[in-house]
Amino acid sequence: MSAEAKPAWALADAASSCFTESDRISVYTALGAGETYSAIVRILAITVQARHSLPAKLVSRLSTWLDSYAGDVNEPTIRSLLNGVGLRPRR
């Protein structure tokens, strides 16, 4: 599994409770096809819209992942989504 795929699957797992059936199909189809970048963006958008919180450690991991896309035209939008996610306290 690629370095990008691991956080994508972890994100899908953490956010799955707020997925509609349509969301579930699109997210897991993208992940299964190896389209991890688009899956992460989709999951973050769903998560923010649903006001679903994510584990702080996962958000930190995703922020580090996003750093590798600095300068990409989509990076500011994705960073905004990531910053809009509520944080679930560490246990």
C-alpha atoms as a PDB file:
ATOM      1  CA  MET A   1       0.000   0.000   0.000  1.00  0.00           C
ATOM      2  CA  SER A   2       1.381   3.408  -0.951  1.00  0.00           C
ATOM      3  CA  ALA A   3       2.177   6.088   1.605  1.00  0.00           C
ATOM      4  CA  GLU A   4      -0.760   8.119   0.284  1.00  0.00           C
ATOM      5  CA  ALA A   5      -3.183   5.194   0.417  1.00  0.00           C
ATOM      6  CA  LYS A   6      -2.751   4.534   4.146  1.00  0.00           C
ATOM      7  CA  PRO A   7      -4.073   7.917   5.335  1.00  0.00           C
ATOM      8  CA  ALA A   8      -6.810   7.794   2.690  1.00  0.00           C
ATOM      9  CA  TRP A   9      -8.121   4.469   3.993  1.00  0.00           C
ATOM     10  CA  ALA A  10      -7.763   5.641   7.614  1.00  0.00           C
ATOM     11  CA  LEU A  11      -9.732   8.778   6.737  1.00  0.00           C
ATOM     12  CA  ALA A  12     -12.460   6.741   5.068  1.00  0.00           C
ATOM     13  CA  ASP A  13     -12.708   4.542   8.140  1.00  0.00           C
ATOM     14  CA  ALA A  14     -12.873   7.523  10.519  1.00  0.00           C
ATOM     15  CA  ALA A  15     -15.503   9.349   8.448  1.00  0.00           C
ATOM     16  CA  SER A  16     -17.622   6.420   7.257  1.00  0.00           C
ATOM     17  CA  SER A  17     -20.383   6.994   9.798  1.00  0.00           C
ATOM     18  CA  CYS A  18     -21.360  10.233   8.053  1.00  0.00           C
ATOM     19  CA  PHE A  19     -21.415   8.754   4.513  1.00  0.00           C
ATOM     20  CA  THR A  20     -24.615   8.397   2.558  1.00  0.00           C
ATOM     21  CA  GLU A  21     -24.884   5.308   0.365  1.00  0.00           C
ATOM     22  CA  SER A  22     -23.857   7.438  -2.620  1.00  0.00           C
ATOM     23  CA  ASP A  23     -20.847   8.797  -0.701  1.00  0.00           C
ATOM     24  CA  ARG A  24     -19.827   5.292   0.310  1.00  0.00           C
ATOM     25  CA  ILE A  25     -19.921   4.089  -3.296  1.00  0.00           C
ATOM     26  CA  SER A  26     -17.948   7.035  -4.676  1.00  0.00           C
ATOM     27  CA  VAL A  27     -15.338   7.032  -1.913  1.00  0.00           C
ATOM     28  CA  TYR A  28     -14.645   3.306  -1.897  1.00  0.00           C
ATOM     29  CA  THR A  29     -14.692   3.125  -5.695  1.00  0.00           C
ATOM     30  CA  ALA A  30     -12.047   5.860  -5.837  1.00  0.00           C
ATOM     31  CA  LEU A  31      -9.967   4.161  -3.150  1.00  0.00           C
ATOM     32  CA  GLY A  32     -10.235   0.783  -4.857  1.00  0.00           C
ATOM     33  CA  ALA A  33      -9.158   2.343  -8.147  1.00  0.00           C
ATOM     34  CA  GLY A  34      -6.105   3.896  -6.500  1.00  0.00           C
ATOM     35  CA  GLU A  35      -7.433   7.451  -6.808  1.00  0.00           C
ATOM     36  CA  THR A  36      -6.415   8.323  -3.269  1.00  0.00           C
ATOM     37  CA  TYR A  37      -6.009  12.070  -3.857  1.00  0.00           C
ATOM     38  CA  SER A  38      -9.574  12.503  -5.119  1.00  0.00           C
ATOM     39  CA  ALA A  39     -10.898  10.181  -2.403  1.00  0.00           C
ATOM     40  CA  ILE A  40      -9.245  12.255   0.323  1.00  0.00           C
ATOM     41  CA  VAL A  41     -10.675  15.470  -1.096  1.00  0.00           C
ATOM     42  CA  ARG A  42     -14.152  13.925  -1.347  1.00  0.00           C
ATOM     43  CA  ILE A  43     -14.035  12.538   2.195  1.00  0.00           C
ATOM     44  CA  LEU A  44     -12.856  15.861   3.633  1.00  0.00           C
ATOM     45  CA  ALA A  45     -15.689  17.693   1.852  1.00  0.00           C
ATOM     46  CA  ILE A  46     -18.239  15.199   3.195  1.00  0.00           C
ATOM     47  CA  THR A  47     -16.767  15.419   6.691  1.00  0.00           C
ATOM     48  CA  VAL A  48     -16.836  19.217   6.795  1.00  0.00           C
ATOM     49  CA  GLN A  49     -20.378  19.360   5.417  1.00  0.00           C
ATOM     50  CA  ALA A  50     -21.562  16.815   8.006  1.00  0.00           C
ATOM     51  CA  ARG A  51     -19.666  18.622  10.800  1.00  0.00           C
ATOM     52  CA  HIS A  52     -18.137  15.280  11.673  1.00  0.00           C
ATOM     53  CA  SER A  53     -15.027  15.343  13.834  1.00  0.00           C
ATOM     54  CA  LEU A  54     -11.897  13.325  13.148  1.00  0.00           C
ATOM     55  CA  PRO A  55      -9.101  12.117  15.408  1.00  0.00           C
ATOM     56  CA  ALA A  56      -6.515  14.868  15.919  1.00  0.00           C
ATOM     57  CA  LYS A  57      -3.692  12.453  15.061  1.00  0.00           C
ATOM     58  CA  LEU A  58      -5.295  11.660  11.687  1.00  0.00           C
ATOM     59  CA  VAL A  59      -5.798  15.352  10.869  1.00  0.00           C
ATOM     60  CA  SER A  60      -2.131  15.966  11.687  1.00  0.00           C
ATOM     61  CA  ARG A  61      -1.127  13.065   9.438  1.00  0.00           C
ATOM     62  CA  LEU A  62      -3.252  14.460   6.617  1.00  0.00           C
ATOM     63  CA  SER A  63      -1.729  17.915   7.071  1.00  0.00           C
ATOM     64  CA  THR A  64       1.723  16.383   6.647  1.00  0.00           C
ATOM     65  CA  TRP A  65       0.491  14.539   3.548  1.00  0.00           C
ATOM     66  CA  LEU A  66      -0.873  17.804   2.143  1.00  0.00           C
ATOM     67  CA  ASP A  67       2.486  19.533   2.661  1.00  0.00           C
ATOM     68  CA  SER A  68       3.800  17.411  -0.210  1.00  0.00           C
ATOM     69  CA  TYR A  69       1.295  19.181  -2.486  1.00  0.00           C
ATOM     70  CA  ALA A  70       2.461  22.717  -1.577  1.00  0.00           C
ATOM     71  CA  GLY A  71       2.162  24.896  -4.646  1.00  0.00           C
ATOM     72  CA  ASP A  72      -0.460  22.669  -6.273  1.00  0.00           C
ATOM     73  CA  VAL A  73      -3.434  24.654  -7.546  1.00  0.00           C
ATOM     74  CA  ASN A  74      -5.801  22.592  -5.349  1.00  0.00           C
ATOM     75  CA  GLU A  75      -3.699  22.740  -2.180  1.00  0.00           C
ATOM     76  CA  PRO A  76      -5.341  25.891  -0.694  1.00  0.00           C
ATOM     77  CA  THR A  77      -8.836  24.440  -1.150  1.00  0.00           C
ATOM     78  CA  ILE A  78      -7.857  21.128   0.406  1.00  0.00           C
ATOM     79  CA  ARG A  79      -6.051  22.922   3.246  1.00  0.00           C
ATOM     80  CA  SER A  80      -9.224  24.933   3.881  1.00  0.00           C
ATOM     81  CA  LEU A  81     -11.276  21.728   4.058  1.00  0.00           C
ATOM     82  CA  LEU A  82      -8.746  20.154   6.394  1.00  0.00           C
ATOM     83  CA  ASN A  83      -8.794  23.222   8.627  1.00  0.00           C
ATOM     84  CA  GLY A  84     -12.601  23.055   8.695  1.00  0.00           C
ATOM     85  CA  VAL A  85     -12.666  19.562  10.190  1.00  0.00           C
ATOM     86  CA  GLY A  86     -13.587  19.306  13.843  1.00  0.00           C
ATOM     87  CA  LEU A  87     -11.027  17.544  15.997  1.00  0.00           C
ATOM     88  CA  ARG A  88     -11.893  14.602  18.173  1.00  0.00           C
ATOM     89  CA  PRO A  89      -9.801  14.633  21.346  1.00  0.00           C
ATOM     90  CA  ARG A  90      -7.107  12.008  21.782  1.00  0.00           C
ATOM     91  CA  ARG A  91      -7.982   9.142  24.078  1.00  0.00           C
END
